[in-house]
């Protein structure tokens, strides 16, 4: 973990310690729901692309799958997940 991550993690922990418990819980649930949704979306797009007939726009859904993976990767880089 870098010193920047340590600083961010400490700041986030402090924010969540002093935040209204309901608000903190709402953020926690929304974070996990977003990550779960992106995982489900990425998998569904990959499977749907694999079942598309060759004559249709092959790879179109796979491109969208990669966008979902990019969004998931961005969420994983967030320090929020590490703190929650």
N, C-alpha and C. Protein backbone atom coordinates (compact mmCIF):
# COMPACT_ATOMS: atom_id res chain seq x y z
N UNK A 1 0.85 -1.18 0.00
CA UNK A 1 0.00 0.00 0.00
C UNK A 1 0.90 1.24 0.00
N UNK A 2 0.58 2.19 -0.84
CA UNK A 2 1.38 3.41 -0.93
C UNK A 2 1.01 4.37 0.21
N UNK A 3 1.87 5.35 0.41
CA UNK A 3 1.57 6.33 1.47
C UNK A 3 0.32 7.14 1.11
N UNK A 4 0.11 7.34 -0.20
CA UNK A 4 -1.12 8.04 -0.64
C UNK A 4 -2.36 7.24 -0.29
N UNK A 5 -2.28 5.92 -0.48
CA UNK A 5 -3.41 5.06 -0.11
C UNK A 5 -3.65 5.09 1.39
N UNK A 6 -2.57 5.08 2.16
CA UNK A 6 -2.70 5.11 3.62
C UNK A 6 -3.39 6.39 4.06
N UNK A 7 -3.00 7.49 3.44
CA UNK A 7 -3.59 8.79 3.77
C UNK A 7 -5.07 8.81 3.41
N UNK A 8 -5.38 8.32 2.21
CA UNK A 8 -6.78 8.29 1.76
C UNK A 8 -7.60 7.38 2.65
N UNK A 9 -7.06 6.19 2.96
CA UNK A 9 -7.78 5.25 3.82
C UNK A 9 -8.05 5.86 5.18
N UNK A 10 -7.06 6.53 5.75
CA UNK A 10 -7.23 7.16 7.06
C UNK A 10 -8.31 8.24 7.00
N UNK A 11 -8.28 9.03 5.93
CA UNK A 11 -9.29 10.09 5.79
C UNK A 11 -10.69 9.49 5.64
N UNK A 12 -10.80 8.45 4.83
CA UNK A 12 -12.11 7.81 4.64
C UNK A 12 -12.61 7.18 5.94
N UNK A 13 -11.73 6.53 6.67
CA UNK A 13 -12.13 5.92 7.94
C UNK A 13 -12.64 6.99 8.92
N UNK A 14 -11.93 8.12 8.96
CA UNK A 14 -12.34 9.21 9.84
C UNK A 14 -13.70 9.75 9.43
N UNK A 15 -13.89 9.92 8.13
CA UNK A 15 -15.18 10.42 7.63
C UNK A 15 -16.30 9.47 8.03
N UNK A 16 -16.09 8.16 7.83
CA UNK A 16 -17.13 7.19 8.16
C UNK A 16 -17.36 7.06 9.66
N UNK A 17 -16.33 7.29 10.47
CA UNK A 17 -16.50 7.25 11.93
C UNK A 17 -17.41 8.38 12.41
N UNK A 18 -17.31 9.54 11.78
CA UNK A 18 -18.07 10.70 12.24
C UNK A 18 -19.38 10.89 11.47
N UNK A 19 -19.57 10.13 10.43
CA UNK A 19 -20.77 10.25 9.59
C UNK A 19 -21.97 9.61 10.29
N UNK A 20 -23.13 10.13 9.99
CA UNK A 20 -24.37 9.52 10.44
C UNK A 20 -24.37 8.04 10.04
N UNK A 21 -24.70 7.16 10.97
CA UNK A 21 -24.66 5.72 10.72
C UNK A 21 -25.53 5.28 9.57
N UNK A 22 -26.71 5.89 9.43
CA UNK A 22 -27.60 5.53 8.32
C UNK A 22 -27.01 5.93 6.98
N UNK A 23 -26.39 7.09 6.95
CA UNK A 23 -25.76 7.54 5.71
C UNK A 23 -24.58 6.64 5.34
N UNK A 24 -23.80 6.28 6.32
CA UNK A 24 -22.65 5.38 6.08
C UNK A 24 -23.14 4.03 5.56
N UNK A 25 -24.20 3.52 6.15
CA UNK A 25 -24.76 2.24 5.72
C UNK A 25 -25.30 2.34 4.30
N UNK A 26 -25.93 3.44 3.98
CA UNK A 26 -26.45 3.66 2.62
C UNK A 26 -25.31 3.65 1.59
N UNK A 27 -24.22 4.30 1.92
CA UNK A 27 -23.06 4.33 1.02
C UNK A 27 -22.46 2.94 0.88
N UNK A 28 -22.32 2.25 1.98
CA UNK A 28 -21.76 0.88 1.98
C UNK A 28 -22.61 -0.03 1.09
N UNK A 29 -23.91 0.00 1.30
CA UNK A 29 -24.81 -0.85 0.50
C UNK A 29 -24.79 -0.47 -0.97
N UNK A 30 -24.76 0.82 -1.26
CA UNK A 30 -24.72 1.27 -2.66
C UNK A 30 -23.42 0.84 -3.34
N UNK A 31 -22.31 0.91 -2.61
CA UNK A 31 -21.03 0.50 -3.18
C UNK A 31 -21.07 -0.98 -3.55
N UNK A 32 -21.48 -1.81 -2.61
CA UNK A 32 -21.51 -3.25 -2.88
C UNK A 32 -22.53 -3.60 -3.96
N UNK A 33 -23.65 -2.90 -3.99
CA UNK A 33 -24.65 -3.13 -5.02
C UNK A 33 -24.09 -2.76 -6.39
N UNK A 34 -23.36 -1.65 -6.46
CA UNK A 34 -22.77 -1.22 -7.74
C UNK A 34 -21.76 -2.24 -8.24
N UNK A 35 -20.90 -2.72 -7.36
CA UNK A 35 -19.89 -3.71 -7.76
C UNK A 35 -20.57 -5.00 -8.19
N UNK A 36 -21.54 -5.45 -7.42
CA UNK A 36 -22.27 -6.67 -7.77
C UNK A 36 -22.99 -6.50 -9.10
N UNK A 37 -23.61 -5.35 -9.31
CA UNK A 37 -24.31 -5.09 -10.56
C UNK A 37 -23.37 -5.09 -11.75
N UNK A 38 -22.21 -4.49 -11.59
CA UNK A 38 -21.23 -4.48 -12.69
C UNK A 38 -20.72 -5.88 -13.00
N UNK A 39 -20.53 -6.69 -11.97
CA UNK A 39 -20.08 -8.06 -12.19
C UNK A 39 -21.15 -8.85 -12.94
N UNK A 40 -22.39 -8.70 -12.53
CA UNK A 40 -23.50 -9.39 -13.18
C UNK A 40 -23.66 -8.93 -14.62
N UNK A 41 -23.56 -7.62 -14.83
CA UNK A 41 -23.68 -7.07 -16.18
C UNK A 41 -22.58 -7.57 -17.09
N UNK A 42 -21.35 -7.56 -16.61
CA UNK A 42 -20.22 -8.01 -17.42
C UNK A 42 -20.39 -9.47 -17.83
N UNK A 43 -20.79 -10.30 -16.89
CA UNK A 43 -20.98 -11.72 -17.19
C UNK A 43 -22.13 -11.94 -18.16
N UNK A 44 -23.24 -11.24 -17.94
CA UNK A 44 -24.40 -11.40 -18.82
C UNK A 44 -24.08 -10.95 -20.24
N UNK A 45 -23.35 -9.87 -20.38
CA UNK A 45 -22.97 -9.40 -21.72
C UNK A 45 -22.04 -10.38 -22.42
N UNK A 46 -21.11 -10.95 -21.67
CA UNK A 46 -20.18 -11.92 -22.26
C UNK A 46 -20.93 -13.16 -22.75
N UNK A 47 -21.85 -13.66 -21.93
CA UNK A 47 -22.63 -14.83 -22.31
C UNK A 47 -23.53 -14.52 -23.49
N UNK A 48 -24.18 -13.38 -23.45
CA UNK A 48 -25.08 -12.99 -24.55
C UNK A 48 -24.31 -12.84 -25.85
N UNK A 49 -23.12 -12.29 -25.80
CA UNK A 49 -22.31 -12.13 -27.01
C UNK A 49 -21.96 -13.50 -27.58
N UNK A 50 -21.62 -14.43 -26.71
CA UNK A 50 -21.21 -15.77 -27.16
C UNK A 50 -22.36 -16.52 -27.83
N UNK A 51 -23.58 -16.16 -27.50
CA UNK A 51 -24.74 -16.87 -28.08
C UNK A 51 -25.35 -16.15 -29.28
N UNK A 52 -24.77 -15.03 -29.69
CA UNK A 52 -25.28 -14.30 -30.84
C UNK A 52 -24.95 -15.05 -32.13
N UNK A 53 -25.90 -15.08 -33.08
CA UNK A 53 -25.61 -15.70 -34.37
C UNK A 53 -24.46 -14.97 -35.07
N UNK A 54 -23.68 -15.71 -35.82
CA UNK A 54 -22.52 -15.15 -36.53
C UNK A 54 -22.92 -13.99 -37.44
N UNK A 55 -24.11 -14.05 -38.01
CA UNK A 55 -24.52 -13.03 -38.99
C UNK A 55 -24.79 -11.67 -38.35
N UNK A 56 -25.07 -11.67 -37.06
CA UNK A 56 -25.36 -10.40 -36.40
C UNK A 56 -24.06 -9.69 -36.05
N UNK A 57 -24.16 -8.56 -35.45
CA UNK A 57 -22.98 -7.75 -35.12
C UNK A 57 -22.12 -8.46 -34.10
N UNK A 58 -21.32 -9.37 -34.57
CA UNK A 58 -20.46 -10.14 -33.67
C UNK A 58 -19.52 -9.20 -32.92
N UNK A 59 -19.45 -9.39 -31.62
CA UNK A 59 -18.54 -8.60 -30.81
C UNK A 59 -19.12 -7.34 -30.22
N UNK A 60 -20.29 -6.93 -30.66
CA UNK A 60 -20.88 -5.69 -30.15
C UNK A 60 -21.15 -5.80 -28.65
N UNK A 61 -21.74 -6.89 -28.24
CA UNK A 61 -22.01 -7.07 -26.81
C UNK A 61 -20.72 -7.30 -26.03
N UNK A 62 -19.74 -7.90 -26.67
CA UNK A 62 -18.45 -8.11 -26.00
C UNK A 62 -17.77 -6.77 -25.73
N UNK A 63 -17.92 -5.83 -26.66
CA UNK A 63 -17.39 -4.48 -26.43
C UNK A 63 -18.04 -3.86 -25.20
N UNK A 64 -19.34 -4.03 -25.07
CA UNK A 64 -20.04 -3.51 -23.88
C UNK A 64 -19.59 -4.24 -22.62
N UNK A 65 -19.32 -5.52 -22.75
CA UNK A 65 -18.77 -6.31 -21.64
C UNK A 65 -17.46 -5.67 -21.15
N UNK A 66 -16.60 -5.30 -22.09
CA UNK A 66 -15.31 -4.69 -21.71
C UNK A 66 -15.51 -3.34 -21.03
N UNK A 67 -16.52 -2.60 -21.43
CA UNK A 67 -16.82 -1.33 -20.74
C UNK A 67 -17.23 -1.61 -19.29
N UNK A 68 -18.03 -2.64 -19.09
CA UNK A 68 -18.45 -2.99 -17.73
C UNK A 68 -17.23 -3.43 -16.91
N UNK A 69 -16.32 -4.17 -17.53
CA UNK A 69 -15.09 -4.61 -16.84
C UNK A 69 -14.24 -3.39 -16.46
N UNK A 70 -14.15 -2.42 -17.36
CA UNK A 70 -13.39 -1.20 -17.06
C UNK A 70 -14.00 -0.47 -15.86
N UNK A 71 -15.32 -0.39 -15.83
CA UNK A 71 -15.99 0.26 -14.71
C UNK A 71 -15.75 -0.51 -13.42
N UNK A 72 -15.77 -1.83 -13.50
CA UNK A 72 -15.50 -2.66 -12.34
C UNK A 72 -14.06 -2.47 -11.87
N UNK A 73 -13.14 -2.39 -12.79
CA UNK A 73 -11.74 -2.14 -12.43
C UNK A 73 -11.58 -0.78 -11.74
N UNK A 74 -12.31 0.21 -12.22
CA UNK A 74 -12.26 1.54 -11.58
C UNK A 74 -12.78 1.46 -10.15
N UNK A 75 -13.84 0.71 -9.95
CA UNK A 75 -14.39 0.55 -8.60
C UNK A 75 -13.39 -0.18 -7.70
N UNK A 76 -12.68 -1.14 -8.26
CA UNK A 76 -11.69 -1.87 -7.45
C UNK A 76 -10.50 -1.00 -7.08
N UNK A 77 -10.18 -0.01 -7.91
CA UNK A 77 -9.08 0.91 -7.60
C UNK A 77 -9.49 1.92 -6.53
N UNK A 78 -10.77 2.10 -6.35
CA UNK A 78 -11.27 3.01 -5.34
C UNK A 78 -10.85 2.54 -3.96
N UNK A 79 -10.44 3.44 -3.13
CA UNK A 79 -10.07 3.08 -1.76
C UNK A 79 -11.30 2.85 -0.89
N UNK A 80 -12.44 3.28 -1.38
CA UNK A 80 -13.68 3.12 -0.62
C UNK A 80 -13.93 1.65 -0.30
N UNK A 81 -13.72 0.78 -1.29
CA UNK A 81 -13.93 -0.65 -1.07
C UNK A 81 -13.01 -1.21 -0.01
N UNK A 82 -11.79 -0.74 0.03
CA UNK A 82 -10.82 -1.21 1.03
C UNK A 82 -11.24 -0.78 2.43
N UNK A 83 -11.84 0.38 2.53
CA UNK A 83 -12.23 0.92 3.82
C UNK A 83 -13.55 0.33 4.31
N UNK A 84 -14.46 0.11 3.38
CA UNK A 84 -15.76 -0.41 3.77
C UNK A 84 -15.65 -1.85 4.22
